[in-house]
N, C-alpha and C. Protein backbone atom coordinates (compact mmCIF):
# COMPACT_ATOMS: atom_id res chain seq x y z
N UNK A 1 1.55 16.65 30.45
CA UNK A 1 1.08 18.00 30.54
C UNK A 1 1.53 18.62 31.85
N UNK A 2 2.01 19.86 31.81
CA UNK A 2 2.43 20.57 33.01
C UNK A 2 1.48 21.70 33.32
N UNK A 3 1.77 22.40 34.39
CA UNK A 3 0.92 23.53 34.77
C UNK A 3 1.78 24.72 35.15
N UNK A 4 1.30 25.91 34.77
CA UNK A 4 1.91 27.15 35.24
C UNK A 4 1.52 27.33 36.70
N UNK A 5 2.24 28.17 37.45
CA UNK A 5 1.85 28.42 38.85
C UNK A 5 0.41 28.88 38.99
N UNK A 6 -0.14 29.53 37.97
CA UNK A 6 -1.52 30.00 38.04
C UNK A 6 -2.52 28.85 37.91
N UNK A 7 -2.03 27.65 37.59
CA UNK A 7 -2.90 26.49 37.43
C UNK A 7 -3.29 26.24 35.98
N UNK A 8 -2.89 27.14 35.08
CA UNK A 8 -3.23 27.00 33.66
C UNK A 8 -2.41 25.85 33.05
N UNK A 9 -3.05 24.98 32.29
CA UNK A 9 -2.38 23.83 31.68
C UNK A 9 -1.56 24.25 30.47
N UNK A 10 -0.44 23.57 30.28
CA UNK A 10 0.38 23.79 29.09
C UNK A 10 0.62 22.44 28.43
N UNK A 11 0.86 22.47 27.14
CA UNK A 11 1.15 21.24 26.42
C UNK A 11 2.65 21.16 26.17
N UNK A 12 3.24 20.04 26.51
CA UNK A 12 4.68 19.85 26.34
C UNK A 12 5.00 18.96 25.15
N UNK A 13 4.00 18.52 24.41
CA UNK A 13 4.20 17.57 23.32
C UNK A 13 5.20 18.08 22.28
N UNK A 14 5.11 19.34 21.79
CA UNK A 14 6.10 19.79 20.79
C UNK A 14 7.53 19.72 21.32
N UNK A 15 7.75 20.07 22.58
CA UNK A 15 9.10 20.04 23.15
C UNK A 15 9.60 18.61 23.25
N UNK A 16 8.73 17.68 23.64
CA UNK A 16 9.12 16.28 23.75
C UNK A 16 9.47 15.73 22.37
N UNK A 17 8.65 16.04 21.37
CA UNK A 17 8.93 15.58 20.01
C UNK A 17 10.24 16.15 19.50
N UNK A 18 10.52 17.41 19.79
CA UNK A 18 11.77 18.04 19.38
C UNK A 18 12.96 17.36 20.05
N UNK A 19 12.85 17.07 21.33
CA UNK A 19 13.92 16.38 22.06
C UNK A 19 14.16 15.00 21.47
N UNK A 20 13.09 14.31 21.11
CA UNK A 20 13.24 12.98 20.51
C UNK A 20 13.97 13.07 19.17
N UNK A 21 13.62 14.06 18.36
CA UNK A 21 14.30 14.23 17.07
C UNK A 21 15.79 14.50 17.27
N UNK A 22 16.12 15.36 18.22
CA UNK A 22 17.53 15.66 18.51
C UNK A 22 18.27 14.40 18.95
N UNK A 23 17.64 13.61 19.82
CA UNK A 23 18.25 12.37 20.29
C UNK A 23 18.46 11.40 19.13
N UNK A 24 17.47 11.25 18.26
CA UNK A 24 17.59 10.35 17.12
C UNK A 24 18.70 10.79 16.18
N UNK A 25 18.78 12.09 15.90
CA UNK A 25 19.85 12.61 15.01
C UNK A 25 21.22 12.35 15.63
N UNK A 26 21.36 12.57 16.94
CA UNK A 26 22.64 12.31 17.59
C UNK A 26 23.01 10.83 17.57
N UNK A 27 22.05 9.97 17.77
CA UNK A 27 22.33 8.52 17.70
C UNK A 27 22.77 8.14 16.29
N UNK A 28 22.11 8.69 15.28
CA UNK A 28 22.50 8.41 13.89
C UNK A 28 23.92 8.89 13.63
N UNK A 29 24.25 10.11 14.07
CA UNK A 29 25.60 10.65 13.86
C UNK A 29 26.64 9.79 14.56
N UNK A 30 26.36 9.41 15.81
CA UNK A 30 27.31 8.56 16.54
C UNK A 30 27.48 7.21 15.85
N UNK A 31 26.40 6.66 15.33
CA UNK A 31 26.48 5.38 14.61
C UNK A 31 27.32 5.51 13.36
N UNK A 32 27.12 6.59 12.61
CA UNK A 32 27.91 6.82 11.39
C UNK A 32 29.39 6.97 11.73
N UNK A 33 29.69 7.73 12.79
CA UNK A 33 31.09 7.90 13.20
C UNK A 33 31.70 6.55 13.57
N UNK A 34 30.96 5.75 14.35
CA UNK A 34 31.48 4.46 14.77
C UNK A 34 31.65 3.53 13.56
N UNK A 35 30.70 3.55 12.65
CA UNK A 35 30.78 2.70 11.46
C UNK A 35 31.94 3.13 10.56
N UNK A 36 32.12 4.45 10.38
CA UNK A 36 33.16 4.96 9.48
C UNK A 36 34.57 4.80 10.04
N UNK A 37 34.70 4.86 11.36
CA UNK A 37 36.05 4.85 11.95
C UNK A 37 36.36 3.58 12.72
N UNK A 38 35.36 2.75 12.95
CA UNK A 38 35.53 1.56 13.81
C UNK A 38 36.10 1.93 15.17
N UNK A 39 35.70 3.09 15.67
CA UNK A 39 36.24 3.58 16.93
C UNK A 39 35.10 4.04 17.85
N UNK A 40 34.94 3.33 18.93
CA UNK A 40 33.96 3.75 19.94
C UNK A 40 34.45 5.04 20.60
N UNK A 41 35.76 5.20 20.73
CA UNK A 41 36.33 6.38 21.37
C UNK A 41 35.93 7.66 20.64
N UNK A 42 35.99 7.65 19.29
CA UNK A 42 35.60 8.84 18.54
C UNK A 42 34.10 9.13 18.68
N UNK A 43 33.31 8.08 18.75
CA UNK A 43 31.87 8.29 18.97
C UNK A 43 31.62 8.92 20.33
N UNK A 44 32.33 8.44 21.34
CA UNK A 44 32.18 9.02 22.68
C UNK A 44 32.72 10.45 22.72
N UNK A 45 33.78 10.71 21.96
CA UNK A 45 34.31 12.08 21.88
C UNK A 45 33.24 13.02 21.32
N UNK A 46 32.51 12.57 20.30
CA UNK A 46 31.42 13.38 19.75
C UNK A 46 30.38 13.67 20.84
N UNK A 47 30.17 12.71 21.72
CA UNK A 47 29.17 12.86 22.77
C UNK A 47 29.64 13.83 23.86
N UNK A 48 30.91 13.77 24.27
CA UNK A 48 31.37 14.59 25.40
C UNK A 48 31.98 15.93 24.98
N UNK A 49 32.35 16.10 23.72
CA UNK A 49 33.01 17.34 23.28
C UNK A 49 32.20 18.60 23.59
N UNK A 50 30.90 18.61 23.37
CA UNK A 50 30.15 19.85 23.68
C UNK A 50 30.22 20.24 25.16
N UNK A 51 30.41 19.28 26.03
CA UNK A 51 30.45 19.59 27.46
C UNK A 51 31.83 20.03 27.91
N UNK A 52 32.88 19.51 27.28
CA UNK A 52 34.23 19.86 27.70
C UNK A 52 34.84 20.95 26.84
N UNK A 53 34.45 21.05 25.59
CA UNK A 53 35.04 22.01 24.67
C UNK A 53 34.48 23.41 24.77
N UNK A 54 33.47 23.60 25.58
CA UNK A 54 32.85 24.91 25.67
C UNK A 54 33.28 25.70 26.90
N UNK A 55 34.24 25.20 27.65
CA UNK A 55 34.67 25.89 28.86
C UNK A 55 35.15 27.31 28.55
N UNK A 56 35.99 27.44 27.52
CA UNK A 56 36.47 28.78 27.13
C UNK A 56 35.30 29.69 26.78
N UNK A 57 34.37 29.18 26.02
CA UNK A 57 33.21 29.97 25.63
C UNK A 57 32.41 30.41 26.85
N UNK A 58 32.23 29.52 27.80
CA UNK A 58 31.47 29.86 29.01
C UNK A 58 32.19 30.93 29.84
N UNK A 59 33.50 30.83 29.94
CA UNK A 59 34.27 31.82 30.69
C UNK A 59 34.14 33.19 30.02
N UNK A 60 34.30 33.23 28.70
CA UNK A 60 34.18 34.50 27.98
C UNK A 60 32.78 35.06 28.08
N UNK A 61 31.77 34.22 27.94
CA UNK A 61 30.39 34.69 28.02
C UNK A 61 30.08 35.25 29.40
N UNK A 62 30.53 34.57 30.43
CA UNK A 62 30.28 35.04 31.80
C UNK A 62 31.00 36.37 32.06
N UNK A 63 32.20 36.51 31.55
CA UNK A 63 32.97 37.73 31.80
C UNK A 63 32.34 38.97 31.18
N UNK A 64 31.50 38.79 30.19
CA UNK A 64 30.92 39.94 29.49
C UNK A 64 29.75 40.57 30.24
N UNK A 65 29.22 39.88 31.25
CA UNK A 65 28.11 40.44 32.03
C UNK A 65 28.36 40.39 33.53
N UNK A 66 29.39 39.69 33.97
CA UNK A 66 29.64 39.49 35.41
C UNK A 66 29.83 40.83 36.13
N UNK A 67 29.11 40.97 37.23
CA UNK A 67 29.22 42.18 38.04
C UNK A 67 28.41 43.35 37.52
N UNK A 68 27.70 43.16 36.44
CA UNK A 68 26.92 44.25 35.84
C UNK A 68 25.41 44.01 35.94
N UNK A 69 25.01 43.02 36.73
CA UNK A 69 23.61 42.63 36.83
C UNK A 69 22.72 43.79 37.27
N UNK A 70 23.22 44.64 38.14
CA UNK A 70 22.40 45.75 38.65
C UNK A 70 22.20 46.85 37.61
N UNK A 71 22.95 46.80 36.52
CA UNK A 71 22.87 47.85 35.50
C UNK A 71 22.06 47.43 34.28
N UNK A 72 21.29 46.33 34.39
CA UNK A 72 20.60 45.84 33.19
C UNK A 72 19.54 46.80 32.66
N UNK A 73 19.06 47.71 33.48
CA UNK A 73 18.08 48.69 33.01
C UNK A 73 18.74 49.95 32.45
N UNK A 74 20.08 50.03 32.52
CA UNK A 74 20.80 51.22 32.06
C UNK A 74 21.23 51.14 30.60
N UNK A 75 20.89 50.07 29.91
CA UNK A 75 21.22 49.95 28.50
C UNK A 75 22.40 49.03 28.25
N UNK A 76 22.60 48.66 26.99
CA UNK A 76 23.60 47.66 26.62
C UNK A 76 25.04 48.09 26.88
N UNK A 77 25.32 49.38 26.87
CA UNK A 77 26.70 49.81 27.10
C UNK A 77 27.07 49.75 28.57
N UNK A 78 26.09 49.67 29.45
CA UNK A 78 26.35 49.55 30.88
C UNK A 78 26.22 48.11 31.38
N UNK A 79 25.37 47.31 30.71
CA UNK A 79 25.07 45.97 31.16
C UNK A 79 26.00 44.91 30.57
N UNK A 80 26.79 45.27 29.59
CA UNK A 80 27.73 44.32 28.99
C UNK A 80 29.06 45.02 28.76
N UNK A 81 30.10 44.23 28.63
CA UNK A 81 31.43 44.83 28.44
C UNK A 81 32.12 44.21 27.24
N UNK A 82 33.06 44.96 26.70
CA UNK A 82 33.89 44.50 25.60
C UNK A 82 35.21 44.01 26.16
N UNK A 83 35.61 42.84 25.72
CA UNK A 83 36.88 42.25 26.15
C UNK A 83 37.86 42.27 24.99
N UNK A 84 39.03 42.84 25.19
CA UNK A 84 40.07 42.82 24.16
C UNK A 84 40.74 41.45 24.20
N UNK A 85 40.69 40.74 23.10
CA UNK A 85 41.28 39.41 23.00
C UNK A 85 42.31 39.39 21.88
N UNK A 86 43.23 38.44 21.91
CA UNK A 86 44.13 38.28 20.77
C UNK A 86 43.32 38.02 19.50
N UNK A 87 43.87 38.45 18.37
CA UNK A 87 43.14 38.39 17.10
C UNK A 87 42.60 37.00 16.80
N UNK A 88 43.41 35.96 16.97
CA UNK A 88 42.98 34.61 16.63
C UNK A 88 41.81 34.18 17.51
N UNK A 89 41.89 34.44 18.80
CA UNK A 89 40.81 34.08 19.71
C UNK A 89 39.55 34.87 19.39
N UNK A 90 39.72 36.14 19.08
CA UNK A 90 38.58 36.98 18.69
C UNK A 90 37.91 36.43 17.43
N UNK A 91 38.71 36.00 16.47
CA UNK A 91 38.18 35.42 15.23
C UNK A 91 37.41 34.13 15.52
N UNK A 92 38.00 33.24 16.33
CA UNK A 92 37.33 31.98 16.66
C UNK A 92 36.05 32.21 17.47
N UNK A 93 36.01 33.31 18.20
CA UNK A 93 34.85 33.64 19.02
C UNK A 93 33.84 34.49 18.23
N UNK A 94 34.06 34.64 16.94
CA UNK A 94 33.20 35.39 16.02
C UNK A 94 32.99 36.83 16.49
N UNK A 95 34.04 37.42 17.05
CA UNK A 95 34.02 38.81 17.53
C UNK A 95 32.95 39.08 18.58
N UNK A 96 32.47 38.04 19.25
CA UNK A 96 31.48 38.25 20.30
C UNK A 96 32.12 38.85 21.55
N UNK A 97 33.45 39.00 21.55
CA UNK A 97 34.10 39.73 22.64
C UNK A 97 33.75 41.22 22.56
N UNK A 98 33.27 41.67 21.41
CA UNK A 98 32.74 43.03 21.27
C UNK A 98 31.26 42.97 21.67
N UNK A 99 31.05 42.61 22.92
CA UNK A 99 29.71 42.24 23.37
C UNK A 99 28.79 43.44 23.57
N UNK A 100 29.30 44.52 24.12
CA UNK A 100 28.48 45.72 24.30
C UNK A 100 28.03 46.24 22.94
N UNK A 101 28.93 46.22 21.98
CA UNK A 101 28.59 46.66 20.63
C UNK A 101 27.51 45.76 20.02
N UNK A 102 27.66 44.46 20.26
CA UNK A 102 26.68 43.50 19.75
C UNK A 102 25.30 43.76 20.35
N UNK A 103 25.24 44.05 21.65
CA UNK A 103 23.95 44.34 22.28
C UNK A 103 23.38 45.68 21.82
N UNK A 104 24.26 46.64 21.58
CA UNK A 104 23.81 47.95 21.14
C UNK A 104 23.22 47.91 19.73
N UNK A 105 23.86 47.16 18.85
CA UNK A 105 23.41 47.07 17.45
C UNK A 105 23.56 45.63 16.95
N UNK A 106 22.63 44.76 17.32
CA UNK A 106 22.76 43.34 16.95
C UNK A 106 22.70 43.07 15.46
N UNK A 107 22.26 44.03 14.66
CA UNK A 107 22.18 43.80 13.22
C UNK A 107 23.53 44.01 12.52
N UNK A 108 24.51 44.54 13.22
CA UNK A 108 25.84 44.72 12.62
C UNK A 108 26.51 43.36 12.51
N UNK A 109 27.01 42.99 11.34
CA UNK A 109 27.66 41.69 11.17
C UNK A 109 28.90 41.58 12.06
N UNK A 110 29.21 40.36 12.49
CA UNK A 110 30.32 40.14 13.42
C UNK A 110 31.64 40.71 12.91
N UNK A 111 31.86 40.68 11.60
CA UNK A 111 33.13 41.15 11.06
C UNK A 111 33.25 42.67 11.08
N UNK A 112 32.16 43.40 11.32
CA UNK A 112 32.20 44.86 11.42
C UNK A 112 32.22 45.35 12.87
N UNK A 113 32.10 44.44 13.84
CA UNK A 113 32.08 44.86 15.24
C UNK A 113 33.38 45.55 15.68
N UNK A 114 34.58 45.10 15.26
CA UNK A 114 35.79 45.82 15.67
C UNK A 114 35.81 47.28 15.20
N UNK A 115 35.34 47.53 13.99
CA UNK A 115 35.29 48.90 13.48
C UNK A 115 34.25 49.73 14.24
N UNK A 116 33.11 49.14 14.54
CA UNK A 116 32.08 49.80 15.33
C UNK A 116 32.63 50.13 16.72
N UNK A 117 33.42 49.22 17.29
CA UNK A 117 34.06 49.45 18.59
C UNK A 117 34.98 50.68 18.53
N UNK A 118 35.77 50.79 17.47
CA UNK A 118 36.67 51.92 17.32
C UNK A 118 35.91 53.24 17.27
N UNK A 119 34.77 53.25 16.58
CA UNK A 119 33.95 54.46 16.49
C UNK A 119 33.41 54.84 17.87
N UNK A 120 32.87 53.85 18.59
CA UNK A 120 32.33 54.13 19.93
C UNK A 120 33.44 54.56 20.89
N UNK A 121 34.60 53.93 20.78
CA UNK A 121 35.75 54.27 21.63
C UNK A 121 36.23 55.68 21.35
N UNK A 122 36.34 56.02 20.08
CA UNK A 122 36.80 57.35 19.66
C UNK A 122 35.87 58.45 20.17
N UNK A 123 34.57 58.16 20.25
CA UNK A 123 33.59 59.15 20.70
C UNK A 123 33.31 59.08 22.20
N UNK A 124 34.04 58.21 22.91
CA UNK A 124 33.93 58.14 24.36
C UNK A 124 32.69 57.44 24.89
N UNK A 125 32.04 56.63 24.07
CA UNK A 125 30.83 55.95 24.51
C UNK A 125 31.11 54.63 25.23
N UNK A 126 32.31 54.13 25.07
CA UNK A 126 32.58 52.77 25.55
C UNK A 126 34.02 52.64 26.03
N UNK A 127 34.25 51.68 26.89
CA UNK A 127 35.60 51.31 27.32
C UNK A 127 35.76 49.82 27.04
N UNK A 128 36.98 49.37 26.96
CA UNK A 128 37.20 47.94 26.81
C UNK A 128 38.25 47.53 27.84
N UNK A 129 38.26 46.26 28.16
CA UNK A 129 39.20 45.72 29.13
C UNK A 129 39.78 44.44 28.57
N UNK A 130 40.91 44.03 29.09
CA UNK A 130 41.48 42.76 28.68
C UNK A 130 40.95 41.67 29.60
N UNK A 131 41.05 40.45 29.16
CA UNK A 131 40.62 39.32 29.98
C UNK A 131 41.45 39.25 31.25
N UNK A 132 42.74 39.54 31.13
CA UNK A 132 43.64 39.53 32.30
C UNK A 132 43.19 40.58 33.33
N UNK A 133 42.89 41.79 32.87
CA UNK A 133 42.43 42.84 33.79
C UNK A 133 41.10 42.48 34.42
N UNK A 134 40.23 41.83 33.66
CA UNK A 134 38.94 41.40 34.21
C UNK A 134 39.15 40.42 35.36
N UNK A 135 40.03 39.44 35.18
CA UNK A 135 40.25 38.45 36.24
C UNK A 135 40.96 39.06 37.45
N UNK A 136 41.80 40.08 37.23
CA UNK A 136 42.43 40.77 38.36
C UNK A 136 41.38 41.48 39.22
N UNK A 137 40.38 42.05 38.55
CA UNK A 137 39.35 42.82 39.23
C UNK A 137 38.39 41.92 40.01
N UNK A 138 38.08 40.74 39.45
CA UNK A 138 37.11 39.86 40.09
C UNK A 138 37.85 38.68 40.62
């Protein structure tokens, strides 16, 4: 059991049980991979891939809000930015590079975000930048 700064007690049992379930599922998956492939290396790859394979995702996610922290009360079009990416990368990223649009209208499906971006751009509500221009600026 933990405590909030106010001294009020909280129960951590559901979180601990959830963590145990996740650990058990991962052990089962790793065991199945090792059994099916006779390869410890592939099992270890399953274990480390989430930590090494998400670098691109982390860079893109950070670039969509970096330097805009002071504008978080000004709305989604000021607090997030749209990054123009090559089509394939945009597809693999589920069009989340249209991040300001996503924050403005999260109910719009990812495949309609490029069209929504064009509408906002045409009406002067939004700007977009390339990843290269973003890194030049910061």
